[in-house]
């Protein structure tokens, strides 16, 4: 697991797991809350504990850092790591 964005806006950690499956996605944690977000479509899944306002904040955070997040995903998954 790589924490790409640590304690970003509103305290979110954005992580990409090294041994994860396609499609390109990240896991967003804050305390015991977490969700997965697709890095291409910004669709969320496996939502645990977040409300709709927080989900909007997370989508914006991921959209604002999308190039970085996709670069990290590709580096971790397209090289066979």
PDB file of N, CA and C in Angstrom:
ATOM      1  N   UNK A   1       0.841  -1.170   0.000  1.00  0.00           N
ATOM      2  CA  UNK A   1       0.000   0.000   0.000  1.00  0.00           C
ATOM      3  C   UNK A   1       0.888   1.234   0.000  1.00  0.00           C
ATOM      4  N   UNK A   2       0.472   2.201  -0.801  1.00  0.00           N
ATOM      5  CA  UNK A   2       1.166   3.479  -0.863  1.00  0.00           C
ATOM      6  C   UNK A   2       0.165   4.573  -0.530  1.00  0.00           C
ATOM      7  N   UNK A   3       0.481   5.381   0.464  1.00  0.00           N
ATOM      8  CA  UNK A   3      -0.352   6.538   0.755  1.00  0.00           C
ATOM      9  C   UNK A   3       0.145   7.663  -0.139  1.00  0.00           C
ATOM     10  N   UNK A   4      -0.634   7.986  -1.161  1.00  0.00           N
ATOM     11  CA  UNK A   4      -0.227   8.986  -2.151  1.00  0.00           C
ATOM     12  C   UNK A   4      -0.500  10.391  -1.638  1.00  0.00           C
ATOM     13  N   UNK A   5      -1.641  10.581  -1.027  1.00  0.00           N
ATOM     14  CA  UNK A   5      -1.995  11.876  -0.443  1.00  0.00           C
ATOM     15  C   UNK A   5      -2.277  11.650   1.032  1.00  0.00           C
ATOM     16  N   UNK A   6      -1.508  12.303   1.892  1.00  0.00           N
ATOM     17  CA  UNK A   6      -1.614  12.092   3.329  1.00  0.00           C
ATOM     18  C   UNK A   6      -2.245  13.300   3.992  1.00  0.00           C
ATOM     19  N   UNK A   7      -3.321  13.063   4.727  1.00  0.00           N
ATOM     20  CA  UNK A   7      -4.010  14.108   5.497  1.00  0.00           C
ATOM     21  C   UNK A   7      -4.278  15.347   4.649  1.00  0.00           C
ATOM     22  N   UNK A   8      -4.852  15.110   3.482  1.00  0.00           N
ATOM     23  CA  UNK A   8      -5.193  16.191   2.574  1.00  0.00           C
ATOM     24  C   UNK A   8      -6.428  16.909   3.070  1.00  0.00           C
ATOM     25  N   UNK A   9      -6.987  17.750   2.208  1.00  0.00           N
ATOM     26  CA  UNK A   9      -8.189  18.502   2.568  1.00  0.00           C
ATOM     27  C   UNK A   9      -9.117  17.694   3.439  1.00  0.00           C
ATOM     28  N   UNK A  10      -9.507  18.248   4.527  1.00  0.00           N
ATOM     29  CA  UNK A  10     -10.468  17.631   5.443  1.00  0.00           C
ATOM     30  C   UNK A  10      -9.934  16.349   6.090  1.00  0.00           C
ATOM     31  N   UNK A  11      -8.619  16.101   6.010  1.00  0.00           N
ATOM     32  CA  UNK A  11      -8.023  14.973   6.705  1.00  0.00           C
ATOM     33  C   UNK A  11      -8.065  13.636   5.994  1.00  0.00           C
ATOM     34  N   UNK A  12      -8.300  13.625   4.690  1.00  0.00           N
ATOM     35  CA  UNK A  12      -8.390  12.366   3.945  1.00  0.00           C
ATOM     36  C   UNK A  12      -7.011  11.837   3.573  1.00  0.00           C
ATOM     37  N   UNK A  13      -6.845  10.527   3.699  1.00  0.00           N
ATOM     38  CA  UNK A  13      -5.676   9.825   3.174  1.00  0.00           C
ATOM     39  C   UNK A  13      -6.127   9.092   1.918  1.00  0.00           C
ATOM     40  N   UNK A  14      -5.375   9.242   0.833  1.00  0.00           N
ATOM     41  CA  UNK A  14      -5.695   8.556  -0.411  1.00  0.00           C
ATOM     42  C   UNK A  14      -4.604   7.527  -0.659  1.00  0.00           C
ATOM     43  N   UNK A  15      -5.010   6.266  -0.712  1.00  0.00           N
ATOM     44  CA  UNK A  15      -4.067   5.153  -0.812  1.00  0.00           C
ATOM     45  C   UNK A  15      -4.328   4.336  -2.070  1.00  0.00           C
ATOM     46  N   UNK A  16      -3.243   3.797  -2.599  1.00  0.00           N
ATOM     47  CA  UNK A  16      -3.328   2.840  -3.701  1.00  0.00           C
ATOM     48  C   UNK A  16      -2.613   1.588  -3.238  1.00  0.00           C
ATOM     49  N   UNK A  17      -3.303   0.473  -3.318  1.00  0.00           N
ATOM     50  CA  UNK A  17      -2.729  -0.798  -2.870  1.00  0.00           C
ATOM     51  C   UNK A  17      -1.903  -1.421  -3.979  1.00  0.00           C
ATOM     52  N   UNK A  18      -0.741  -1.926  -3.618  1.00  0.00           N
ATOM     53  CA  UNK A  18       0.187  -2.473  -4.605  1.00  0.00           C
ATOM     54  C   UNK A  18      -0.319  -3.762  -5.238  1.00  0.00           C
ATOM     55  N   UNK A  19      -1.034  -4.567  -4.517  1.00  0.00           N
ATOM     56  CA  UNK A  19      -1.521  -5.850  -5.038  1.00  0.00           C
ATOM     57  C   UNK A  19      -3.027  -5.779  -5.260  1.00  0.00           C
ATOM     58  N   UNK A  20      -3.473  -4.760  -5.989  1.00  0.00           N
ATOM     59  CA  UNK A  20      -4.905  -4.552  -6.184  1.00  0.00           C
ATOM     60  C   UNK A  20      -5.300  -4.881  -7.615  1.00  0.00           C
ATOM     61  N   UNK A  21      -6.565  -4.842  -7.887  1.00  0.00           N
ATOM     62  CA  UNK A  21      -7.155  -5.260  -9.161  1.00  0.00           C
ATOM     63  C   UNK A  21      -7.593  -4.050  -9.975  1.00  0.00           C
ATOM     64  N   UNK A  22      -7.682  -4.209 -11.310  1.00  0.00           N
ATOM     65  CA  UNK A  22      -8.270  -3.154 -12.129  1.00  0.00           C
ATOM     66  C   UNK A  22      -9.768  -3.070 -11.856  1.00  0.00           C
ATOM     67  N   UNK A  23     -10.390  -1.990 -12.228  1.00  0.00           N
ATOM     68  CA  UNK A  23      -9.859  -0.797 -12.882  1.00  0.00           C
ATOM     69  C   UNK A  23      -9.077   0.067 -11.895  1.00  0.00           C
ATOM     70  N   UNK A  24      -8.383   1.054 -12.443  1.00  0.00           N
ATOM     71  CA  UNK A  24      -7.580   1.959 -11.612  1.00  0.00           C
ATOM     72  C   UNK A  24      -8.479   2.638 -10.585  1.00  0.00           C
ATOM     73  N   UNK A  25      -8.125   2.484  -9.324  1.00  0.00           N
ATOM     74  CA  UNK A  25      -8.926   3.084  -8.257  1.00  0.00           C
ATOM     75  C   UNK A  25      -8.043   3.355  -7.049  1.00  0.00           C
ATOM     76  N   UNK A  26      -8.574   4.140  -6.140  1.00  0.00           N
ATOM     77  CA  UNK A  26      -7.878   4.451  -4.894  1.00  0.00           C
ATOM     78  C   UNK A  26      -8.833   4.202  -3.738  1.00  0.00           C
ATOM     79  N   UNK A  27      -8.256   4.066  -2.564  1.00  0.00           N
ATOM     80  CA  UNK A  27      -9.009   3.899  -1.328  1.00  0.00           C
ATOM     81  C   UNK A  27      -8.820   5.176  -0.525  1.00  0.00           C
ATOM     82  N   UNK A  28      -9.909   5.733  -0.033  1.00  0.00           N
ATOM     83  CA  UNK A  28      -9.837   6.989   0.724  1.00  0.00           C
ATOM     84  C   UNK A  28     -10.285   6.700   2.153  1.00  0.00           C
ATOM     85  N   UNK A  29      -9.398   7.030   3.081  1.00  0.00           N
ATOM     86  CA  UNK A  29      -9.624   6.759   4.502  1.00  0.00           C
ATOM     87  C   UNK A  29      -9.643   8.057   5.296  1.00  0.00           C
ATOM     88  N   UNK A  30     -10.445   8.057   6.322  1.00  0.00           N
ATOM     89  CA  UNK A  30     -10.417   9.099   7.355  1.00  0.00           C
ATOM     90  C   UNK A  30     -10.929   8.422   8.614  1.00  0.00           C
ATOM     91  N   UNK A  31     -10.032   8.158   9.536  1.00  0.00           N
ATOM     92  CA  UNK A  31     -10.407   7.387  10.723  1.00  0.00           C
ATOM     93  C   UNK A  31     -10.858   6.003  10.305  1.00  0.00           C
ATOM     94  N   UNK A  32     -12.043   5.598  10.732  1.00  0.00           N
ATOM     95  CA  UNK A  32     -12.543   4.273  10.348  1.00  0.00           C
ATOM     96  C   UNK A  32     -13.467   4.326   9.127  1.00  0.00           C
ATOM     97  N   UNK A  33     -13.614   5.505   8.519  1.00  0.00           N
ATOM     98  CA  UNK A  33     -14.403   5.645   7.293  1.00  0.00           C
ATOM     99  C   UNK A  33     -13.512   5.312   6.094  1.00  0.00           C
ATOM    100  N   UNK A  34     -14.105   4.673   5.081  1.00  0.00           N
ATOM    101  CA  UNK A  34     -13.345   4.417   3.865  1.00  0.00           C
ATOM    102  C   UNK A  34     -14.274   4.186   2.690  1.00  0.00           C
ATOM    103  N   UNK A  35     -13.706   4.334   1.505  1.00  0.00           N
ATOM    104  CA  UNK A  35     -14.414   4.040   0.266  1.00  0.00           C
ATOM    105  C   UNK A  35     -13.390   3.805  -0.824  1.00  0.00           C
ATOM    106  N   UNK A  36     -13.876   3.272  -1.944  1.00  0.00           N
ATOM    107  CA  UNK A  36     -13.058   3.140  -3.142  1.00  0.00           C
ATOM    108  C   UNK A  36     -13.583   4.132  -4.160  1.00  0.00           C
ATOM    109  N   UNK A  37     -12.672   4.712  -4.948  1.00  0.00           N
ATOM    110  CA  UNK A  37     -13.080   5.624  -6.001  1.00  0.00           C
ATOM    111  C   UNK A  37     -12.328   5.289  -7.276  1.00  0.00           C
ATOM    112  N   UNK A  38     -13.071   5.145  -8.359  1.00  0.00           N
ATOM    113  CA  UNK A  38     -12.505   4.856  -9.665  1.00  0.00           C
ATOM    114  C   UNK A  38     -11.773   6.108 -10.151  1.00  0.00           C
ATOM    115  N   UNK A  39     -10.531   5.941 -10.588  1.00  0.00           N
ATOM    116  CA  UNK A  39      -9.720   7.086 -10.985  1.00  0.00           C
ATOM    117  C   UNK A  39     -10.050   7.601 -12.382  1.00  0.00           C
ATOM    118  N   UNK A  40     -10.875   6.885 -13.131  1.00  0.00           N
ATOM    119  CA  UNK A  40     -11.269   7.333 -14.462  1.00  0.00           C
ATOM    120  C   UNK A  40     -12.660   7.974 -14.458  1.00  0.00           C
ATOM    121  N   UNK A  41     -13.576   7.405 -13.706  1.00  0.00           N
ATOM    122  CA  UNK A  41     -14.968   7.860 -13.732  1.00  0.00           C
ATOM    123  C   UNK A  41     -15.387   8.611 -12.468  1.00  0.00           C
ATOM    124  N   UNK A  42     -14.591   8.495 -11.410  1.00  0.00           N
ATOM    125  CA  UNK A  42     -14.869   9.079 -10.094  1.00  0.00           C
ATOM    126  C   UNK A  42     -16.090   8.460  -9.424  1.00  0.00           C
ATOM    127  N   UNK A  43     -16.515   7.286  -9.908  1.00  0.00           N
ATOM    128  CA  UNK A  43     -17.591   6.560  -9.238  1.00  0.00           C
ATOM    129  C   UNK A  43     -17.050   5.990  -7.937  1.00  0.00           C
ATOM    130  N   UNK A  44     -17.867   6.003  -6.900  1.00  0.00           N
ATOM    131  CA  UNK A  44     -17.460   5.474  -5.608  1.00  0.00           C
ATOM    132  C   UNK A  44     -18.172   4.154  -5.341  1.00  0.00           C
ATOM    133  N   UNK A  45     -17.507   3.305  -4.559  1.00  0.00           N
ATOM    134  CA  UNK A  45     -18.085   2.022  -4.172  1.00  0.00           C
ATOM    135  C   UNK A  45     -17.559   1.663  -2.786  1.00  0.00           C
ATOM    136  N   UNK A  46     -18.131   0.637  -2.223  1.00  0.00           N
ATOM    137  CA  UNK A  46     -17.724   0.158  -0.895  1.00  0.00           C
ATOM    138  C   UNK A  46     -17.642   1.296   0.124  1.00  0.00           C
ATOM    139  N   UNK A  47     -18.665   2.119   0.149  1.00  0.00           N
ATOM    140  CA  UNK A  47     -18.694   3.295   1.024  1.00  0.00           C
ATOM    141  C   UNK A  47     -18.986   2.850   2.450  1.00  0.00           C
ATOM    142  N   UNK A  48     -18.107   3.226   3.358  1.00  0.00           N
ATOM    143  CA  UNK A  48     -18.288   2.888   4.774  1.00  0.00           C
ATOM    144  C   UNK A  48     -18.126   4.145   5.610  1.00  0.00           C
ATOM    145  N   UNK A  49     -19.273   4.731   5.989  1.00  0.00           N
ATOM    146  CA  UNK A  49     -19.269   5.812   6.959  1.00  0.00           C
ATOM    147  C   UNK A  49     -19.326   7.227   6.417  1.00  0.00           C
ATOM    148  N   UNK A  50     -19.098   7.439   5.130  1.00  0.00           N
ATOM    149  CA  UNK A  50     -19.108   8.795   4.586  1.00  0.00           C
ATOM    150  C   UNK A  50     -20.518   9.247   4.241  1.00  0.00           C
ATOM    151  N   UNK A  51     -20.776  10.541   4.417  1.00  0.00           N
ATOM    152  CA  UNK A  51     -22.051  11.119   3.985  1.00  0.00           C
ATOM    153  C   UNK A  51     -21.873  11.750   2.600  1.00  0.00           C
ATOM    154  N   UNK A  52     -22.943  12.238   2.023  1.00  0.00           N
ATOM    155  CA  UNK A  52     -22.902  12.757   0.650  1.00  0.00           C
ATOM    156  C   UNK A  52     -21.996  13.984   0.521  1.00  0.00           C
ATOM    157  N   UNK A  53     -21.941  14.825   1.537  1.00  0.00           N
ATOM    158  CA  UNK A  53     -21.052  15.993   1.491  1.00  0.00           C
ATOM    159  C   UNK A  53     -19.595  15.555   1.435  1.00  0.00           C
ATOM    160  N   UNK A  54     -19.238  14.582   2.259  1.00  0.00           N
ATOM    161  CA  UNK A  54     -17.862  14.084   2.274  1.00  0.00           C
ATOM    162  C   UNK A  54     -17.510  13.412   0.946  1.00  0.00           C
ATOM    163  N   UNK A  55     -18.451  12.714   0.367  1.00  0.00           N
ATOM    164  CA  UNK A  55     -18.200  12.069  -0.927  1.00  0.00           C
ATOM    165  C   UNK A  55     -17.931  13.115  -1.998  1.00  0.00           C
ATOM    166  N   UNK A  56     -18.652  14.218  -1.993  1.00  0.00           N
ATOM    167  CA  UNK A  56     -18.379  15.319  -2.933  1.00  0.00           C
ATOM    168  C   UNK A  56     -16.968  15.875  -2.705  1.00  0.00           C
ATOM    169  N   UNK A  57     -16.573  16.040  -1.448  1.00  0.00           N
ATOM    170  CA  UNK A  57     -15.223  16.534  -1.138  1.00  0.00           C
ATOM    171  C   UNK A  57     -14.162  15.571  -1.665  1.00  0.00           C
ATOM    172  N   UNK A  58     -14.403  14.302  -1.481  1.00  0.00           N
ATOM    173  CA  UNK A  58     -13.446  13.285  -1.928  1.00  0.00           C
ATOM    174  C   UNK A  58     -13.344  13.274  -3.454  1.00  0.00           C
ATOM    175  N   UNK A  59     -14.478  13.336  -4.142  1.00  0.00           N
ATOM    176  CA  UNK A  59     -14.441  13.380  -5.612  1.00  0.00           C
ATOM    177  C   UNK A  59     -13.620  14.574  -6.098  1.00  0.00           C
ATOM    178  N   UNK A  60     -13.798  15.733  -5.463  1.00  0.00           N
ATOM    179  CA  UNK A  60     -13.025  16.917  -5.855  1.00  0.00           C
ATOM    180  C   UNK A  60     -11.546  16.717  -5.573  1.00  0.00           C
ATOM    181  N   UNK A  61     -11.211  16.180  -4.424  1.00  0.00           N
ATOM    182  CA  UNK A  61      -9.817  15.920  -4.081  1.00  0.00           C
ATOM    183  C   UNK A  61      -9.172  14.993  -5.104  1.00  0.00           C
ATOM    184  N   UNK A  62      -9.858  13.917  -5.458  1.00  0.00           N
ATOM    185  CA  UNK A  62      -9.320  12.960  -6.428  1.00  0.00           C
ATOM    186  C   UNK A  62      -9.231  13.592  -7.815  1.00  0.00           C
ATOM    187  N   UNK A  63     -10.233  14.351  -8.216  1.00  0.00           N
ATOM    188  CA  UNK A  63     -10.192  15.024  -9.517  1.00  0.00           C
ATOM    189  C   UNK A  63      -9.027  16.018  -9.584  1.00  0.00           C
ATOM    190  N   UNK A  64      -8.812  16.766  -8.513  1.00  0.00           N
ATOM    191  CA  UNK A  64      -7.740  17.760  -8.484  1.00  0.00           C
ATOM    192  C   UNK A  64      -6.354  17.123  -8.530  1.00  0.00           C
ATOM    193  N   UNK A  65      -6.245  15.867  -8.102  1.00  0.00           N
ATOM    194  CA  UNK A  65      -4.949  15.171  -8.053  1.00  0.00           C
ATOM    195  C   UNK A  65      -4.923  13.963  -8.975  1.00  0.00           C
ATOM    196  N   UNK A  66      -5.787  13.966  -9.983  1.00  0.00           N
ATOM    197  CA  UNK A  66      -5.980  12.786 -10.813  1.00  0.00           C
ATOM    198  C   UNK A  66      -4.740  12.360 -11.579  1.00  0.00           C
ATOM    199  N   UNK A  67      -3.984  13.300 -12.127  1.00  0.00           N
ATOM    200  CA  UNK A  67      -2.785  12.950 -12.891  1.00  0.00           C
ATOM    201  C   UNK A  67      -1.796  12.211 -11.995  1.00  0.00           C
ATOM    202  N   UNK A  68      -1.541  12.734 -10.820  1.00  0.00           N
ATOM    203  CA  UNK A  68      -0.639  12.087  -9.869  1.00  0.00           C
ATOM    204  C   UNK A  68      -1.137  10.691  -9.501  1.00  0.00           C
ATOM    205  N   UNK A  69      -2.412  10.571  -9.175  1.00  0.00           N
ATOM    206  CA  UNK A  69      -2.954   9.283  -8.751  1.00  0.00           C
ATOM    207  C   UNK A  69      -2.878   8.248  -9.876  1.00  0.00           C
ATOM    208  N   UNK A  70      -3.196   8.646 -11.088  1.00  0.00           N
ATOM    209  CA  UNK A  70      -3.093   7.711 -12.217  1.00  0.00           C
ATOM    210  C   UNK A  70      -1.645   7.327 -12.491  1.00  0.00           C
ATOM    211  N   UNK A  71      -0.726   8.272 -12.354  1.00  0.00           N
ATOM    212  CA  UNK A  71       0.700   7.961 -12.536  1.00  0.00           C
ATOM    213  C   UNK A  71       1.165   6.930 -11.514  1.00  0.00           C
ATOM    214  N   UNK A  72       0.754   7.088 -10.266  1.00  0.00           N
ATOM    215  CA  UNK A  72       1.137   6.127  -9.229  1.00  0.00           C
ATOM    216  C   UNK A  72       0.501   4.767  -9.514  1.00  0.00           C
ATOM    217  N   UNK A  73      -0.782   4.751  -9.886  1.00  0.00           N
ATOM    218  CA  UNK A  73      -1.439   3.480 -10.218  1.00  0.00           C
ATOM    219  C   UNK A  73      -0.654   2.758 -11.324  1.00  0.00           C
ATOM    220  N   UNK A  74      -0.338   3.485 -12.390  1.00  0.00           N
ATOM    221  CA  UNK A  74       0.386   2.877 -13.505  1.00  0.00           C
ATOM    222  C   UNK A  74       1.753   2.379 -13.081  1.00  0.00           C
ATOM    223  N   UNK A  75       2.468   3.147 -12.286  1.00  0.00           N
ATOM    224  CA  UNK A  75       3.793   2.738 -11.829  1.00  0.00           C
ATOM    225  C   UNK A  75       3.723   1.454 -10.998  1.00  0.00           C
ATOM    226  N   UNK A  76       2.697   1.315 -10.192  1.00  0.00           N
ATOM    227  CA  UNK A  76       2.564   0.153  -9.337  1.00  0.00           C
ATOM    228  C   UNK A  76       2.029  -1.074 -10.045  1.00  0.00           C
ATOM    229  N   UNK A  77       1.179  -0.880 -11.049  1.00  0.00           N
ATOM    230  CA  UNK A  77       0.458  -2.012 -11.634  1.00  0.00           C
ATOM    231  C   UNK A  77       0.876  -2.366 -13.052  1.00  0.00           C
ATOM    232  N   UNK A  78       1.407  -1.441 -13.800  1.00  0.00           N
ATOM    233  CA  UNK A  78       1.784  -1.753 -15.173  1.00  0.00           C
ATOM    234  C   UNK A  78       3.221  -2.225 -15.298  1.00  0.00           C
ATOM    235  N   UNK A  79       3.962  -2.199 -14.187  1.00  0.00           N
ATOM    236  CA  UNK A  79       5.332  -2.695 -14.218  1.00  0.00           C
ATOM    237  C   UNK A  79       5.437  -4.077 -13.584  1.00  0.00           C
ATOM    238  N   UNK A  80       4.292  -4.609 -13.154  1.00  0.00           N
ATOM    239  CA  UNK A  80       4.292  -5.936 -12.547  1.00  0.00           C
ATOM    240  C   UNK A  80       4.614  -5.959 -11.082  1.00  0.00           C
ATOM    241  N   UNK A  81       4.662  -4.797 -10.431  1.00  0.00           N
ATOM    242  CA  UNK A  81       4.956  -4.751  -8.984  1.00  0.00           C
ATOM    243  C   UNK A  81       3.796  -5.241  -8.177  1.00  0.00           C
TER     244      UNK A  81
END
